[in-house]
N, C-alpha and C. Protein backbone atom coordinates (compact mmCIF):
# COMPACT_ATOMS: atom_id res chain seq x y z
N MET A 1 0.72 -1.21 -0.06
CA MET A 1 -0.10 -0.09 0.01
C MET A 1 0.88 1.23 -0.09
N ARG A 2 2.06 1.15 0.39
CA ARG A 2 2.87 2.30 0.29
C ARG A 2 2.98 2.93 -1.06
N LEU A 3 3.19 2.06 -2.13
CA LEU A 3 3.25 2.54 -3.44
C LEU A 3 1.96 3.29 -3.82
N VAL A 4 0.92 2.73 -3.42
CA VAL A 4 -0.44 3.53 -3.78
C VAL A 4 -0.39 4.71 -2.98
N LYS A 5 -0.12 4.85 -1.83
CA LYS A 5 -0.07 6.27 -1.16
C LYS A 5 1.03 7.14 -1.79
N ASN A 6 1.98 6.77 -2.40
CA ASN A 6 2.83 7.65 -2.79
C ASN A 6 2.82 7.87 -4.38
N CYS A 7 1.75 7.26 -5.09
CA CYS A 7 1.69 7.37 -6.58
C CYS A 7 1.10 8.87 -6.87
N ASP A 8 1.28 9.18 -8.04
CA ASP A 8 0.64 10.54 -8.69
C ASP A 8 -0.68 10.08 -9.37
N VAL A 9 -0.51 9.03 -10.12
CA VAL A 9 -1.59 8.49 -10.94
C VAL A 9 -1.78 6.85 -10.65
N LEU A 10 -2.98 6.64 -10.41
CA LEU A 10 -3.39 5.17 -10.36
C LEU A 10 -4.21 4.91 -11.55
N ILE A 11 -4.05 3.70 -12.24
CA ILE A 11 -4.85 3.24 -13.33
C ILE A 11 -5.47 2.08 -12.86
N SER A 12 -6.90 1.91 -12.69
CA SER A 12 -7.45 0.83 -12.06
C SER A 12 -8.10 0.22 -13.38
N VAL A 13 -7.91 -1.04 -13.55
CA VAL A 13 -8.39 -1.68 -14.76
C VAL A 13 -9.41 -2.85 -14.56
N GLY A 14 -10.58 -2.83 -14.98
CA GLY A 14 -11.33 -4.01 -14.78
C GLY A 14 -11.77 -4.61 -13.57
N THR A 15 -11.83 -3.80 -12.57
CA THR A 15 -12.28 -4.23 -11.10
C THR A 15 -13.67 -3.88 -10.79
N SER A 16 -14.17 -4.64 -9.88
CA SER A 16 -15.64 -4.34 -9.39
C SER A 16 -15.52 -3.49 -8.34
N GLY A 17 -14.64 -3.30 -7.76
CA GLY A 17 -14.37 -2.45 -6.56
C GLY A 17 -15.10 -3.04 -5.36
N VAL A 18 -15.34 -4.38 -5.43
CA VAL A 18 -15.95 -5.09 -4.22
C VAL A 18 -15.14 -5.94 -3.33
N VAL A 19 -14.06 -6.59 -4.08
CA VAL A 19 -13.28 -7.55 -3.35
C VAL A 19 -12.31 -6.85 -2.55
N MET A 20 -12.26 -7.22 -1.53
CA MET A 20 -11.08 -6.50 -0.50
C MET A 20 -9.88 -7.41 -0.47
N PRO A 21 -8.71 -6.87 -0.18
CA PRO A 21 -8.36 -5.46 0.02
C PRO A 21 -8.16 -4.60 -1.35
N ALA A 22 -8.29 -5.16 -2.47
CA ALA A 22 -8.01 -4.38 -3.59
C ALA A 22 -9.10 -3.35 -3.96
N ALA A 23 -10.31 -3.35 -3.39
CA ALA A 23 -11.36 -2.49 -3.55
C ALA A 23 -10.90 -1.21 -2.87
N ASN A 24 -10.07 -1.23 -1.89
CA ASN A 24 -9.62 0.08 -1.29
C ASN A 24 -8.58 0.89 -2.05
N ILE A 25 -8.00 0.32 -3.03
CA ILE A 25 -6.82 0.84 -3.61
C ILE A 25 -7.17 2.32 -4.15
N PRO A 26 -8.16 2.29 -4.99
CA PRO A 26 -8.43 3.66 -5.74
C PRO A 26 -8.73 4.71 -4.48
N GLU A 27 -9.51 4.37 -3.31
CA GLU A 27 -9.79 5.15 -2.33
C GLU A 27 -8.71 5.60 -1.54
N ILE A 28 -7.68 4.85 -1.40
CA ILE A 28 -6.38 5.04 -0.81
C ILE A 28 -5.63 6.16 -1.42
N ALA A 29 -5.54 5.80 -2.87
CA ALA A 29 -4.81 6.73 -3.92
C ALA A 29 -5.26 8.10 -3.93
N LEU A 30 -6.76 8.10 -3.97
CA LEU A 30 -7.50 9.46 -3.98
C LEU A 30 -7.22 10.27 -2.64
N ALA A 31 -7.30 9.47 -1.42
CA ALA A 31 -7.05 10.35 -0.27
C ALA A 31 -5.74 10.78 -0.11
N ALA A 32 -4.61 10.17 -0.81
CA ALA A 32 -3.28 10.46 -0.65
C ALA A 32 -3.12 11.73 -1.81
N GLY A 33 -4.00 11.99 -2.51
CA GLY A 33 -3.86 13.15 -3.66
C GLY A 33 -3.78 12.78 -5.07
N ALA A 34 -3.68 11.38 -5.38
CA ALA A 34 -3.48 10.97 -6.60
C ALA A 34 -4.65 11.22 -7.62
N THR A 35 -4.42 11.10 -8.85
CA THR A 35 -5.46 11.06 -9.80
C THR A 35 -5.67 9.61 -10.06
N VAL A 36 -6.97 9.15 -10.16
CA VAL A 36 -7.29 7.85 -10.50
C VAL A 36 -7.97 7.63 -11.71
N ILE A 37 -7.72 6.74 -12.65
CA ILE A 37 -8.10 6.69 -13.92
C ILE A 37 -8.76 5.10 -13.90
N HIS A 38 -10.05 5.17 -13.91
CA HIS A 38 -10.69 3.73 -13.88
C HIS A 38 -10.98 3.36 -15.36
N VAL A 39 -10.75 2.06 -15.68
CA VAL A 39 -11.08 1.57 -17.04
C VAL A 39 -11.99 0.34 -16.71
N ASN A 40 -13.20 0.36 -17.23
CA ASN A 40 -14.17 -0.83 -16.74
C ASN A 40 -15.36 -0.65 -17.87
N LEU A 41 -15.94 -1.73 -17.89
CA LEU A 41 -17.25 -1.84 -18.76
C LEU A 41 -18.37 -0.97 -18.16
N ILE A 42 -18.38 -0.71 -16.96
CA ILE A 42 -19.31 0.01 -16.23
C ILE A 42 -18.85 1.07 -15.42
N ASP A 43 -19.47 2.26 -14.96
CA ASP A 43 -19.08 3.31 -14.19
C ASP A 43 -18.59 2.77 -12.72
N VAL A 44 -17.47 2.82 -12.34
CA VAL A 44 -17.07 2.26 -10.83
C VAL A 44 -16.42 3.55 -10.33
N SER A 45 -16.69 4.68 -10.59
CA SER A 45 -15.88 5.76 -10.12
C SER A 45 -16.60 6.12 -8.71
N LEU A 46 -15.79 6.74 -7.86
CA LEU A 46 -16.25 7.03 -6.53
C LEU A 46 -16.83 8.41 -6.44
N GLY A 47 -16.75 9.22 -7.37
CA GLY A 47 -17.29 10.58 -7.36
C GLY A 47 -16.30 11.61 -6.99
N GLY A 48 -15.02 11.18 -6.97
CA GLY A 48 -13.99 12.24 -6.59
C GLY A 48 -13.79 13.26 -7.74
N THR A 49 -13.28 14.41 -7.52
CA THR A 49 -12.90 15.45 -8.55
C THR A 49 -11.56 15.03 -9.29
N LYS A 50 -10.81 14.19 -8.72
CA LYS A 50 -9.43 13.70 -9.31
C LYS A 50 -9.67 12.23 -9.97
N GLU A 51 -10.92 12.00 -10.51
CA GLU A 51 -10.96 10.75 -11.16
C GLU A 51 -11.50 10.99 -12.65
N LEU A 52 -11.02 9.90 -13.32
CA LEU A 52 -11.44 9.93 -14.90
C LEU A 52 -11.97 8.43 -15.11
N MET A 53 -13.17 8.35 -15.56
CA MET A 53 -13.74 7.02 -15.83
C MET A 53 -13.74 6.86 -17.21
N LEU A 54 -13.08 5.71 -17.76
CA LEU A 54 -13.18 5.54 -19.22
C LEU A 54 -13.87 4.10 -19.36
N ILE A 55 -15.06 4.21 -20.15
CA ILE A 55 -15.86 3.02 -20.07
C ILE A 55 -15.65 2.38 -21.42
N GLY A 56 -15.28 1.06 -21.44
CA GLY A 56 -15.19 0.09 -22.61
C GLY A 56 -14.26 -0.93 -22.33
N LYS A 57 -13.94 -1.72 -23.27
CA LYS A 57 -13.19 -2.87 -23.23
C LYS A 57 -11.81 -2.28 -22.90
N ALA A 58 -10.96 -3.16 -21.91
CA ALA A 58 -9.74 -2.59 -21.49
C ALA A 58 -8.74 -2.71 -22.59
N THR A 59 -8.83 -3.70 -23.53
CA THR A 59 -7.83 -3.59 -24.58
C THR A 59 -7.97 -2.57 -25.71
N VAL A 60 -9.22 -1.92 -25.82
CA VAL A 60 -9.43 -1.03 -26.53
C VAL A 60 -9.05 0.47 -25.97
N VAL A 61 -9.66 0.68 -24.66
CA VAL A 61 -9.36 1.84 -23.89
C VAL A 61 -7.93 1.97 -23.65
N LEU A 62 -7.30 1.06 -23.21
CA LEU A 62 -5.81 1.18 -22.87
C LEU A 62 -4.95 1.61 -24.00
N SER A 63 -5.35 1.05 -25.30
CA SER A 63 -4.54 1.18 -26.35
C SER A 63 -4.80 2.85 -26.76
N GLU A 64 -6.08 3.22 -26.64
CA GLU A 64 -6.40 4.65 -27.08
C GLU A 64 -5.67 5.46 -25.89
N LEU A 65 -5.74 5.14 -24.67
CA LEU A 65 -5.01 6.03 -23.71
C LEU A 65 -3.69 6.03 -23.94
N LEU A 66 -3.05 5.09 -24.27
CA LEU A 66 -1.47 5.18 -24.46
C LEU A 66 -1.16 5.94 -25.74
N ASN A 67 -2.18 5.76 -26.79
CA ASN A 67 -1.89 6.66 -28.01
C ASN A 67 -2.07 8.12 -27.67
N SER A 68 -2.95 8.45 -26.89
CA SER A 68 -3.17 9.95 -26.41
C SER A 68 -1.93 10.31 -25.68
N ILE A 69 -1.35 9.47 -24.70
CA ILE A 69 -0.26 9.95 -24.00
C ILE A 69 0.90 10.20 -24.90
N GLN A 70 1.15 9.22 -25.69
CA GLN A 70 2.33 9.31 -26.56
C GLN A 70 2.29 10.70 -27.60
N HIS A 71 0.95 10.90 -27.99
CA HIS A 71 0.82 12.20 -28.72
C HIS A 71 0.98 13.24 -28.02
N LEU A 72 0.58 13.41 -26.75
CA LEU A 72 0.71 14.53 -25.74
C LEU A 72 2.35 14.60 -25.45
N ALA A 73 3.08 13.52 -25.42
CA ALA A 73 4.46 13.61 -25.03
C ALA A 73 5.28 13.81 -26.22
N ALA A 74 4.86 13.91 -27.39
CA ALA A 74 5.58 14.02 -28.65
C ALA A 74 6.19 15.39 -28.59
N PRO A 75 7.46 15.55 -29.17
CA PRO A 75 8.04 16.82 -29.06
C PRO A 75 7.18 17.89 -29.63
N GLY A 76 7.13 19.10 -29.17
CA GLY A 76 6.37 20.25 -29.62
C GLY A 76 4.81 20.09 -29.27
N LYS A 77 4.44 19.13 -28.51
CA LYS A 77 3.01 18.85 -28.33
C LYS A 77 2.66 19.31 -26.79
N ALA A 78 3.72 19.31 -25.95
CA ALA A 78 3.38 19.55 -24.44
C ALA A 78 3.32 21.10 -24.26
């Protein structure tokens, strides 16, 4: 949990948010000030202002997220 408490961004993929102790991970990250990106087929966000909910299949959503990050990180784009 030390890593969760010290992260800047947490990406939570395909979790129901029910099974403990994993269900607490997004809450712990949010409480520590991290941004949490949820990737799931349904909305599992907790209602925090530092959350991003991406709905869809993980294989598609994560690929699109990576492409977006790479585009933003390209020279002259930041």
